[in-house]
Amino acid sequence: MEQEFMDLGFTSLAAVEMRNRLVARTGLELPVSLVFDFLTPAELAEHLRSRLT
């Protein structure tokens, strides 16, 4: 079973920093609440893949 971001130790600050890096790399508009909207890395990866293809 895949762990959720919060279980992996992500703080609110780390979540925002990751979101900002993803925005810079992908050019996508992503919500600040990204890791709360997509609880696991797999869910987030699937969402990003669908938006980029």
Protein backbone atom coordinates (compact mmCIF):
# COMPACT_ATOMS: atom_id res chain seq x y z
CA MET A 1 0.00 0.00 0.00
CA GLU A 2 1.36 3.42 -0.91
CA GLN A 3 1.92 5.91 1.87
CA GLU A 4 0.30 9.32 1.87
CA PHE A 5 2.43 12.45 1.64
CA MET A 6 1.73 13.38 5.26
CA ASP A 7 2.84 9.91 6.41
CA LEU A 8 6.06 10.45 4.46
CA GLY A 9 6.78 13.54 6.55
CA PHE A 10 5.58 16.28 4.22
CA THR A 11 4.87 19.48 6.09
CA SER A 12 2.73 22.26 4.69
CA LEU A 13 5.89 24.14 3.72
CA ALA A 14 7.36 21.10 1.95
CA ALA A 15 4.06 20.59 0.10
CA VAL A 16 4.07 24.18 -1.17
CA GLU A 17 7.73 23.95 -2.18
CA MET A 18 7.06 20.75 -4.14
CA ARG A 19 4.05 22.33 -5.82
CA ASN A 20 6.14 25.37 -6.80
CA ARG A 21 8.83 23.14 -8.30
CA LEU A 22 6.24 21.16 -10.25
CA VAL A 23 4.72 24.39 -11.60
CA ALA A 24 8.18 25.59 -12.67
CA ARG A 25 9.02 22.27 -14.36
CA THR A 26 5.67 21.56 -16.03
CA GLY A 27 4.20 25.00 -16.67
CA LEU A 28 0.89 23.75 -15.32
CA GLU A 29 -1.31 25.77 -13.00
CA LEU A 30 -1.51 23.67 -9.85
CA PRO A 31 -3.34 24.42 -6.61
CA VAL A 32 -1.41 25.11 -3.43
CA SER A 33 -3.42 22.28 -1.85
CA LEU A 34 -1.94 19.77 -4.31
CA VAL A 35 -0.76 17.13 -1.80
CA PHE A 36 -4.07 17.36 0.03
CA ASP A 37 -6.03 16.92 -3.21
CA PHE A 38 -3.91 13.95 -4.32
CA LEU A 39 -2.96 12.11 -1.15
CA THR A 40 -0.32 9.72 -2.50
CA PRO A 41 2.58 10.18 -4.90
CA ALA A 42 0.94 7.68 -7.27
CA GLU A 43 -2.29 9.69 -7.38
CA LEU A 44 -0.36 12.88 -8.02
CA ALA A 45 1.77 11.26 -10.72
CA GLU A 46 -1.33 9.97 -12.51
CA HIS A 47 -2.93 13.41 -12.36
CA LEU A 48 0.18 15.10 -13.75
CA ARG A 49 0.54 12.49 -16.48
CA SER A 50 -3.05 13.02 -17.58
CA ARG A 51 -2.60 16.79 -17.65
CA LEU A 52 0.66 16.62 -19.60
CA THR A 53 -0.48 14.17 -22.30
